[in-house]
PDB file of N, CA and C in Angstrom:
ATOM      1  N   MET A   1      18.586   1.760  -4.725  1.00  0.00           N
ATOM      2  CA  MET A   1      18.614   3.197  -4.583  1.00  0.00           C
ATOM      3  C   MET A   1      17.892   3.880  -5.740  1.00  0.00           C
ATOM      4  N   ALA A   2      18.119   3.399  -6.966  1.00  0.00           N
ATOM      5  CA  ALA A   2      17.472   4.012  -8.124  1.00  0.00           C
ATOM      6  C   ALA A   2      15.951   3.901  -8.017  1.00  0.00           C
ATOM      7  N   GLU A   3      15.466   2.737  -7.595  1.00  0.00           N
ATOM      8  CA  GLU A   3      14.015   2.563  -7.466  1.00  0.00           C
ATOM      9  C   GLU A   3      13.444   3.466  -6.381  1.00  0.00           C
ATOM     10  N   ALA A   4      14.180   3.621  -5.286  1.00  0.00           N
ATOM     11  CA  ALA A   4      13.728   4.519  -4.221  1.00  0.00           C
ATOM     12  C   ALA A   4      13.655   5.964  -4.724  1.00  0.00           C
ATOM     13  N   LEU A   5      14.639   6.366  -5.541  1.00  0.00           N
ATOM     14  CA  LEU A   5      14.609   7.716  -6.123  1.00  0.00           C
ATOM     15  C   LEU A   5      13.421   7.879  -7.062  1.00  0.00           C
ATOM     16  N   ARG A   6      13.199   6.894  -7.912  1.00  0.00           N
ATOM     17  CA  ARG A   6      12.057   6.974  -8.833  1.00  0.00           C
ATOM     18  C   ARG A   6      10.747   7.109  -8.063  1.00  0.00           C
ATOM     19  N   GLY A   7      10.605   6.333  -7.010  1.00  0.00           N
ATOM     20  CA  GLY A   7       9.395   6.413  -6.198  1.00  0.00           C
ATOM     21  C   GLY A   7       9.242   7.763  -5.524  1.00  0.00           C
ATOM     22  N   GLY A   8      10.344   8.289  -4.988  1.00  0.00           N
ATOM     23  CA  GLY A   8      10.302   9.595  -4.342  1.00  0.00           C
ATOM     24  C   GLY A   8       9.960  10.712  -5.311  1.00  0.00           C
ATOM     25  N   LEU A   9      10.508  10.642  -6.523  1.00  0.00           N
ATOM     26  CA  LEU A   9      10.207  11.661  -7.531  1.00  0.00           C
ATOM     27  C   LEU A   9       8.758  11.541  -8.008  1.00  0.00           C
ATOM     28  N   ALA A  10       8.261  10.314  -8.131  1.00  0.00           N
ATOM     29  CA  ALA A  10       6.854  10.121  -8.502  1.00  0.00           C
ATOM     30  C   ALA A  10       5.935  10.720  -7.434  1.00  0.00           C
ATOM     31  N   ASP A  11       6.313  10.556  -6.183  1.00  0.00           N
ATOM     32  CA  ASP A  11       5.534  11.143  -5.084  1.00  0.00           C
ATOM     33  C   ASP A  11       5.528  12.668  -5.171  1.00  0.00           C
ATOM     34  N   LEU A  12       6.684  13.260  -5.478  1.00  0.00           N
ATOM     35  CA  LEU A  12       6.733  14.719  -5.646  1.00  0.00           C
ATOM     36  C   LEU A  12       5.790  15.160  -6.756  1.00  0.00           C
ATOM     37  N   ARG A  13       5.816  14.431  -7.861  1.00  0.00           N
ATOM     38  CA  ARG A  13       4.967  14.800  -8.996  1.00  0.00           C
ATOM     39  C   ARG A  13       3.486  14.701  -8.626  1.00  0.00           C
ATOM     40  N   GLU A  14       3.113  13.641  -7.928  1.00  0.00           N
ATOM     41  CA  GLU A  14       1.716  13.493  -7.495  1.00  0.00           C
ATOM     42  C   GLU A  14       1.283  14.664  -6.625  1.00  0.00           C
ATOM     43  N   ARG A  15       2.204  15.149  -5.793  1.00  0.00           N
ATOM     44  CA  ARG A  15       1.889  16.270  -4.901  1.00  0.00           C
ATOM     45  C   ARG A  15       2.160  17.622  -5.545  1.00  0.00           C
ATOM     46  N   ARG A  16       2.591  17.615  -6.815  1.00  0.00           N
ATOM     47  CA  ARG A  16       2.895  18.824  -7.588  1.00  0.00           C
ATOM     48  C   ARG A  16       3.954  19.692  -6.917  1.00  0.00           C
ATOM     49  N   LEU A  17       5.011  19.045  -6.452  1.00  0.00           N
ATOM     50  CA  LEU A  17       6.132  19.736  -5.822  1.00  0.00           C
ATOM     51  C   LEU A  17       7.318  19.717  -6.773  1.00  0.00           C
ATOM     52  N   TYR A  18       7.866  20.895  -7.054  1.00  0.00           N
ATOM     53  CA  TYR A  18       8.961  21.023  -8.015  1.00  0.00           C
ATOM     54  C   TYR A  18      10.057  21.902  -7.425  1.00  0.00           C
ATOM     55  N   GLY A  19      11.231  21.822  -7.987  1.00  0.00           N
ATOM     56  CA  GLY A  19      12.336  22.678  -7.579  1.00  0.00           C
ATOM     57  C   GLY A  19      13.380  21.961  -6.747  1.00  0.00           C
ATOM     58  N   GLU A  20      14.510  22.638  -6.588  1.00  0.00           N
ATOM     59  CA  GLU A  20      15.680  22.060  -5.926  1.00  0.00           C
ATOM     60  C   GLU A  20      15.424  21.605  -4.490  1.00  0.00           C
ATOM     61  N   VAL A  21      14.683  22.370  -3.730  1.00  0.00           N
ATOM     62  CA  VAL A  21      14.467  22.044  -2.318  1.00  0.00           C
ATOM     63  C   VAL A  21      13.791  20.682  -2.178  1.00  0.00           C
ATOM     64  N   HIS A  22      12.765  20.444  -2.964  1.00  0.00           N
ATOM     65  CA  HIS A  22      12.022  19.186  -2.857  1.00  0.00           C
ATOM     66  C   HIS A  22      12.831  18.006  -3.379  1.00  0.00           C
ATOM     67  N   VAL A  23      13.503  18.204  -4.516  1.00  0.00           N
ATOM     68  CA  VAL A  23      14.329  17.135  -5.074  1.00  0.00           C
ATOM     69  C   VAL A  23      15.477  16.803  -4.128  1.00  0.00           C
ATOM     70  N   ALA A  24      16.073  17.811  -3.529  1.00  0.00           N
ATOM     71  CA  ALA A  24      17.178  17.582  -2.593  1.00  0.00           C
ATOM     72  C   ALA A  24      16.741  16.706  -1.425  1.00  0.00           C
ATOM     73  N   LYS A  25      15.553  16.914  -0.914  1.00  0.00           N
ATOM     74  CA  LYS A  25      15.061  16.094   0.196  1.00  0.00           C
ATOM     75  C   LYS A  25      14.962  14.633  -0.211  1.00  0.00           C
ATOM     76  N   VAL A  26      14.448  14.365  -1.399  1.00  0.00           N
ATOM     77  CA  VAL A  26      14.314  12.984  -1.880  1.00  0.00           C
ATOM     78  C   VAL A  26      15.695  12.354  -2.088  1.00  0.00           C
ATOM     79  N   VAL A  27      16.588  13.085  -2.752  1.00  0.00           N
ATOM     80  CA  VAL A  27      17.912  12.539  -3.063  1.00  0.00           C
ATOM     81  C   VAL A  27      18.701  12.278  -1.782  1.00  0.00           C
ATOM     82  N   ARG A  28      18.726  13.224  -0.877  1.00  0.00           N
ATOM     83  CA  ARG A  28      19.490  13.055   0.366  1.00  0.00           C
ATOM     84  C   ARG A  28      18.898  11.954   1.258  1.00  0.00           C
ATOM     85  N   ALA A  29      17.605  11.715   1.140  1.00  0.00           N
ATOM     86  CA  ALA A  29      16.975  10.662   1.950  1.00  0.00           C
ATOM     87  C   ALA A  29      17.430   9.267   1.537  1.00  0.00           C
ATOM     88  N   VAL A  30      17.807   9.088   0.277  1.00  0.00           N
ATOM     89  CA  VAL A  30      18.236   7.760  -0.181  1.00  0.00           C
ATOM     90  C   VAL A  30      19.746   7.611  -0.306  1.00  0.00           C
ATOM     91  N   ALA A  31      20.475   8.725  -0.322  1.00  0.00           N
ATOM     92  CA  ALA A  31      21.938   8.662  -0.451  1.00  0.00           C
ATOM     93  C   ALA A  31      22.560   8.139   0.844  1.00  0.00           C
ATOM     94  N   PRO A  32      23.532   7.236   0.726  1.00  0.00           N
ATOM     95  CA  PRO A  32      24.207   6.757   1.933  1.00  0.00           C
ATOM     96  C   PRO A  32      24.899   7.918   2.664  1.00  0.00           C
ATOM     97  N   PRO A  33      24.950   7.872   3.993  1.00  0.00           N
ATOM     98  CA  PRO A  33      25.631   8.931   4.753  1.00  0.00           C
ATOM     99  C   PRO A  33      27.067   9.127   4.271  1.00  0.00           C
ATOM    100  N   GLY A  34      27.473  10.374   4.180  1.00  0.00           N
ATOM    101  CA  GLY A  34      28.840  10.700   3.775  1.00  0.00           C
ATOM    102  C   GLY A  34      29.085  10.640   2.279  1.00  0.00           C
ATOM    103  N   THR A  35      28.051  10.379   1.510  1.00  0.00           N
ATOM    104  CA  THR A  35      28.167  10.296   0.058  1.00  0.00           C
ATOM    105  C   THR A  35      28.146  11.689  -0.552  1.00  0.00           C
ATOM    106  N   ASN A  36      28.951  11.892  -1.598  1.00  0.00           N
ATOM    107  CA  ASN A  36      28.937  13.167  -2.310  1.00  0.00           C
ATOM    108  C   ASN A  36      27.650  13.259  -3.125  1.00  0.00           C
ATOM    109  N   VAL A  37      26.862  14.303  -2.870  1.00  0.00           N
ATOM    110  CA  VAL A  37      25.603  14.540  -3.566  1.00  0.00           C
ATOM    111  C   VAL A  37      25.679  15.914  -4.227  1.00  0.00           C
ATOM    112  N   VAL A  38      25.283  15.982  -5.511  1.00  0.00           N
ATOM    113  CA  VAL A  38      25.237  17.247  -6.241  1.00  0.00           C
ATOM    114  C   VAL A  38      23.811  17.452  -6.706  1.00  0.00           C
ATOM    115  N   ILE A  39      23.272  18.630  -6.440  1.00  0.00           N
ATOM    116  CA  ILE A  39      21.923  18.984  -6.867  1.00  0.00           C
ATOM    117  C   ILE A  39      21.997  20.418  -7.384  1.00  0.00           C
ATOM    118  N   ARG A  40      21.491  20.634  -8.608  1.00  0.00           N
ATOM    119  CA  ARG A  40      21.537  21.995  -9.149  1.00  0.00           C
ATOM    120  C   ARG A  40      20.421  22.208 -10.164  1.00  0.00           C
ATOM    121  N   ALA A  41      20.136  23.476 -10.390  1.00  0.00           N
ATOM    122  CA  ALA A  41      19.140  23.841 -11.384  1.00  0.00           C
ATOM    123  C   ALA A  41      19.582  23.304 -12.735  1.00  0.00           C
ATOM    124  N   GLY A  42      18.618  22.820 -13.505  1.00  0.00           N
ATOM    125  CA  GLY A  42      18.934  22.187 -14.777  1.00  0.00           C
ATOM    126  C   GLY A  42      18.560  22.997 -15.991  1.00  0.00           C
ATOM    127  N   GLY A  43      18.322  24.270 -15.846  1.00  0.00           N
ATOM    128  CA  GLY A  43      18.023  25.106 -16.996  1.00  0.00           C
ATOM    129  C   GLY A  43      16.567  25.518 -17.055  1.00  0.00           C
ATOM    130  N   ALA A  44      15.868  25.057 -18.083  1.00  0.00           N
ATOM    131  CA  ALA A  44      14.505  25.493 -18.356  1.00  0.00           C
ATOM    132  C   ALA A  44      13.521  25.103 -17.257  1.00  0.00           C
ATOM    133  N   ARG A  45      12.460  25.886 -17.152  1.00  0.00           N
ATOM    134  CA  ARG A  45      11.357  25.634 -16.223  1.00  0.00           C
ATOM    135  C   ARG A  45      11.881  25.403 -14.809  1.00  0.00           C
ATOM    136  N   SER A  46      11.386  24.377 -14.167  1.00  0.00           N
ATOM    137  CA  SER A  46      11.797  24.067 -12.788  1.00  0.00           C
ATOM    138  C   SER A  46      12.740  22.870 -12.762  1.00  0.00           C
ATOM    139  N   ALA A  47      13.480  22.667 -13.818  1.00  0.00           N
ATOM    140  CA  ALA A  47      14.335  21.494 -13.954  1.00  0.00           C
ATOM    141  C   ALA A  47      15.431  21.450 -12.891  1.00  0.00           C
ATOM    142  N   VAL A  48      15.682  20.233 -12.401  1.00  0.00           N
ATOM    143  CA  VAL A  48      16.731  19.986 -11.422  1.00  0.00           C
ATOM    144  C   VAL A  48      17.488  18.744 -11.872  1.00  0.00           C
ATOM    145  N   VAL A  49      18.823  18.807 -11.851  1.00  0.00           N
ATOM    146  CA  VAL A  49      19.648  17.629 -12.100  1.00  0.00           C
ATOM    147  C   VAL A  49      20.313  17.248 -10.791  1.00  0.00           C
ATOM    148  N   PHE A  50      20.611  15.959 -10.648  1.00  0.00           N
ATOM    149  CA  PHE A  50      21.231  15.505  -9.412  1.00  0.00           C
ATOM    150  C   PHE A  50      22.141  14.319  -9.673  1.00  0.00           C
ATOM    151  N   ALA A  51      23.065  14.103  -8.744  1.00  0.00           N
ATOM    152  CA  ALA A  51      23.967  12.958  -8.811  1.00  0.00           C
ATOM    153  C   ALA A  51      24.335  12.528  -7.405  1.00  0.00           C
ATOM    154  N   ILE A  52      24.454  11.220  -7.240  1.00  0.00           N
ATOM    155  CA  ILE A  52      24.974  10.626  -6.015  1.00  0.00           C
ATOM    156  C   ILE A  52      26.215   9.852  -6.434  1.00  0.00           C
ATOM    157  N   GLU A  53      27.369  10.261  -5.926  1.00  0.00           N
ATOM    158  CA  GLU A  53      28.628   9.605  -6.279  1.00  0.00           C
ATOM    159  C   GLU A  53      28.873   8.433  -5.337  1.00  0.00           C
ATOM    160  N   LEU A  54      29.017   7.265  -5.924  1.00  0.00           N
ATOM    161  CA  LEU A  54      29.245   6.039  -5.167  1.00  0.00           C
ATOM    162  C   LEU A  54      30.586   5.442  -5.561  1.00  0.00           C
ATOM    163  N   PRO A  55      31.152   4.558  -4.754  1.00  0.00           N
ATOM    164  CA  PRO A  55      32.386   3.897  -5.169  1.00  0.00           C
ATOM    165  C   PRO A  55      32.167   3.167  -6.498  1.00  0.00           C
ATOM    166  N   GLY A  56      32.894   3.580  -7.526  1.00  0.00           N
ATOM    167  CA  GLY A  56      32.814   2.915  -8.815  1.00  0.00           C
ATOM    168  C   GLY A  56      31.734   3.405  -9.751  1.00  0.00           C
ATOM    169  N   GLY A  57      30.939   4.388  -9.369  1.00  0.00           N
ATOM    170  CA  GLY A  57      29.898   4.852 -10.270  1.00  0.00           C
ATOM    171  C   GLY A  57      29.011   5.919  -9.681  1.00  0.00           C
ATOM    172  N   CYS A  58      27.919   6.170 -10.389  1.00  0.00           N
ATOM    173  CA  CYS A  58      27.037   7.273 -10.027  1.00  0.00           C
ATOM    174  C   CYS A  58      25.577   6.898 -10.250  1.00  0.00           C
ATOM    175  N   VAL A  59      24.722   7.514  -9.476  1.00  0.00           N
ATOM    176  CA  VAL A  59      23.290   7.520  -9.746  1.00  0.00           C
ATOM    177  C   VAL A  59      22.967   8.964 -10.089  1.00  0.00           C
ATOM    178  N   THR A  60      22.482   9.190 -11.294  1.00  0.00           N
ATOM    179  CA  THR A  60      22.208  10.546 -11.758  1.00  0.00           C
ATOM    180  C   THR A  60      20.757  10.654 -12.196  1.00  0.00           C
ATOM    181  N   GLY A  61      20.283  11.883 -12.284  1.00  0.00           N
ATOM    182  CA  GLY A  61      18.917  12.051 -12.733  1.00  0.00           C
ATOM    183  C   GLY A  61      18.539  13.474 -13.022  1.00  0.00           C
ATOM    184  N   PHE A  62      17.282  13.590 -13.421  1.00  0.00           N
ATOM    185  CA  PHE A  62      16.697  14.843 -13.860  1.00  0.00           C
ATOM    186  C   PHE A  62      15.239  14.843 -13.416  1.00  0.00           C
ATOM    187  N   TYR A  63      14.733  15.998 -13.023  1.00  0.00           N
ATOM    188  CA  TYR A  63      13.333  16.100 -12.605  1.00  0.00           C
ATOM    189  C   TYR A  63      12.807  17.488 -12.949  1.00  0.00           C
ATOM    190  N   ASP A  64      11.622  17.529 -13.533  1.00  0.00           N
ATOM    191  CA  ASP A  64      10.915  18.796 -13.702  1.00  0.00           C
ATOM    192  C   ASP A  64       9.418  18.512 -13.731  1.00  0.00           C
ATOM    193  N   GLU A  65       8.617  19.515 -14.057  1.00  0.00           N
ATOM    194  CA  GLU A  65       7.170  19.336 -13.977  1.00  0.00           C
ATOM    195  C   GLU A  65       6.614  18.391 -15.044  1.00  0.00           C
ATOM    196  N   ARG A  66       7.394  18.026 -16.034  1.00  0.00           N
ATOM    197  CA  ARG A  66       6.908  17.149 -17.098  1.00  0.00           C
ATOM    198  C   ARG A  66       7.431  15.721 -17.028  1.00  0.00           C
ATOM    199  N   GLU A  67       8.659  15.550 -16.562  1.00  0.00           N
ATOM    200  CA  GLU A  67       9.263  14.223 -16.593  1.00  0.00           C
ATOM    201  C   GLU A  67      10.364  14.084 -15.551  1.00  0.00           C
ATOM    202  N   SER A  68      10.780  12.850 -15.358  1.00  0.00           N
ATOM    203  CA  SER A  68      11.929  12.595 -14.493  1.00  0.00           C
ATOM    204  C   SER A  68      12.673  11.390 -15.036  1.00  0.00           C
ATOM    205  N   GLU A  69      13.944  11.306 -14.666  1.00  0.00           N
ATOM    206  CA  GLU A  69      14.795  10.225 -15.139  1.00  0.00           C
ATOM    207  C   GLU A  69      15.813   9.908 -14.053  1.00  0.00           C
ATOM    208  N   VAL A  70      16.064   8.623 -13.830  1.00  0.00           N
ATOM    209  CA  VAL A  70      17.092   8.181 -12.896  1.00  0.00           C
ATOM    210  C   VAL A  70      17.908   7.112 -13.607  1.00  0.00           C
ATOM    211  N   GLU A  71      19.233   7.268 -13.612  1.00  0.00           N
ATOM    212  CA  GLU A  71      20.115   6.314 -14.271  1.00  0.00           C
ATOM    213  C   GLU A  71      21.239   5.909 -13.337  1.00  0.00           C
ATOM    214  N   VAL A  72      21.704   4.698 -13.512  1.00  0.00           N
ATOM    215  CA  VAL A  72      22.872   4.196 -12.793  1.00  0.00           C
ATOM    216  C   VAL A  72      23.966   3.996 -13.828  1.00  0.00           C
ATOM    217  N   GLY A  73      25.140   4.557 -13.590  1.00  0.00           N
ATOM    218  CA  GLY A  73      26.224   4.441 -14.571  1.00  0.00           C
ATOM    219  C   GLY A  73      27.568   4.754 -13.967  1.00  0.00           C
ATOM    220  N   GLY A  74      28.548   4.881 -14.842  1.00  0.00           N
ATOM    221  CA  GLY A  74      29.909   5.169 -14.421  1.00  0.00           C
ATOM    222  C   GLY A  74      30.192   6.656 -14.408  1.00  0.00           C
ATOM    223  N   TYR A  75      31.439   6.958 -14.062  1.00  0.00           N
ATOM    224  CA  TYR A  75      31.889   8.350 -14.056  1.00  0.00           C
ATOM    225  C   TYR A  75      32.020   8.865 -15.483  1.00  0.00           C
ATOM    226  N   ILE A  76      31.868  10.179 -15.676  1.00  0.00           N
ATOM    227  CA  ILE A  76      32.131  10.777 -16.976  1.00  0.00           C
ATOM    228  C   ILE A  76      33.644  10.915 -17.125  1.00  0.00           C
ATOM    229  N   SER A  77      34.097  11.333 -18.288  1.00  0.00           N
ATOM    230  CA  SER A  77      35.532  11.319 -18.592  1.00  0.00           C
ATOM    231  C   SER A  77      36.390  12.156 -17.647  1.00  0.00           C
ATOM    232  N   ASP A  78      35.827  13.203 -17.027  1.00  0.00           N
ATOM    233  CA  ASP A  78      36.632  14.008 -16.101  1.00  0.00           C
ATOM    234  C   ASP A  78      36.661  13.419 -14.695  1.00  0.00           C
ATOM    235  N   GLY A  79      35.991  12.280 -14.489  1.00  0.00           N
ATOM    236  CA  GLY A  79      36.024  11.610 -13.205  1.00  0.00           C
ATOM    237  C   GLY A  79      34.860  11.937 -12.298  1.00  0.00           C
ATOM    238  N   GLY A  80      33.983  12.853 -12.690  1.00  0.00           N
ATOM    239  CA  GLY A  80      32.827  13.186 -11.872  1.00  0.00           C
ATOM    240  C   GLY A  80      31.584  12.457 -12.328  1.00  0.00           C
ATOM    241  N   CYS A  81      30.457  12.876 -11.792  1.00  0.00           N
ATOM    242  CA  CYS A  81      29.177  12.269 -12.167  1.00  0.00           C
ATOM    243  C   CYS A  81      28.376  13.123 -13.133  1.00  0.00           C
ATOM    244  N   LEU A  82      28.537  14.446 -13.067  1.00  0.00           N
ATOM    245  CA  LEU A  82      27.794  15.362 -13.935  1.00  0.00           C
ATOM    246  C   LEU A  82      28.782  16.278 -14.660  1.00  0.00           C
ATOM    247  N   ALA A  83      28.445  16.602 -15.897  1.00  0.00           N
ATOM    248  CA  ALA A  83      29.247  17.586 -16.621  1.00  0.00           C
ATOM    249  C   ALA A  83      29.096  18.945 -15.955  1.00  0.00           C
ATOM    250  N   ALA A  84      30.133  19.738 -16.023  1.00  0.00           N
ATOM    251  CA  ALA A  84      30.087  21.086 -15.470  1.00  0.00           C
ATOM    252  C   ALA A  84      29.018  21.892 -16.203  1.00  0.00           C
ATOM    253  N   PRO A  85      28.345  22.807 -15.514  1.00  0.00           N
ATOM    254  CA  PRO A  85      27.336  23.636 -16.188  1.00  0.00           C
ATOM    255  C   PRO A  85      27.928  24.318 -17.412  1.00  0.00           C
ATOM    256  N   GLY A  86      27.174  24.307 -18.505  1.00  0.00           N
ATOM    257  CA  GLY A  86      27.637  24.933 -19.735  1.00  0.00           C
ATOM    258  C   GLY A  86      28.402  24.013 -20.657  1.00  0.00           C
ATOM    259  N   HIS A  87      28.582  22.757 -20.273  1.00  0.00           N
ATOM    260  CA  HIS A  87      29.302  21.806 -21.130  1.00  0.00           C
ATOM    261  C   HIS A  87      28.378  20.766 -21.687  1.00  0.00           C
TER     262      HIS A  87
END
């Protein structure tokens, strides 16, 4: 799943597509049906953060016009995949 996300985000960058709508399409295309998916603005520029909650862990990432990142890891201390905005 992480590799599929990286490939999808690389494709967006090649086509110069940024923002929540485009990232959401890539993330939802690889997330298993019925999986909790969070996608939100990440602050500066056209930044978008995302998470796919899976049994036992999360796939999280970041995408904007300069860079992207996809990580596989566990839940944060509050039990979710992403910190609440402002934390």
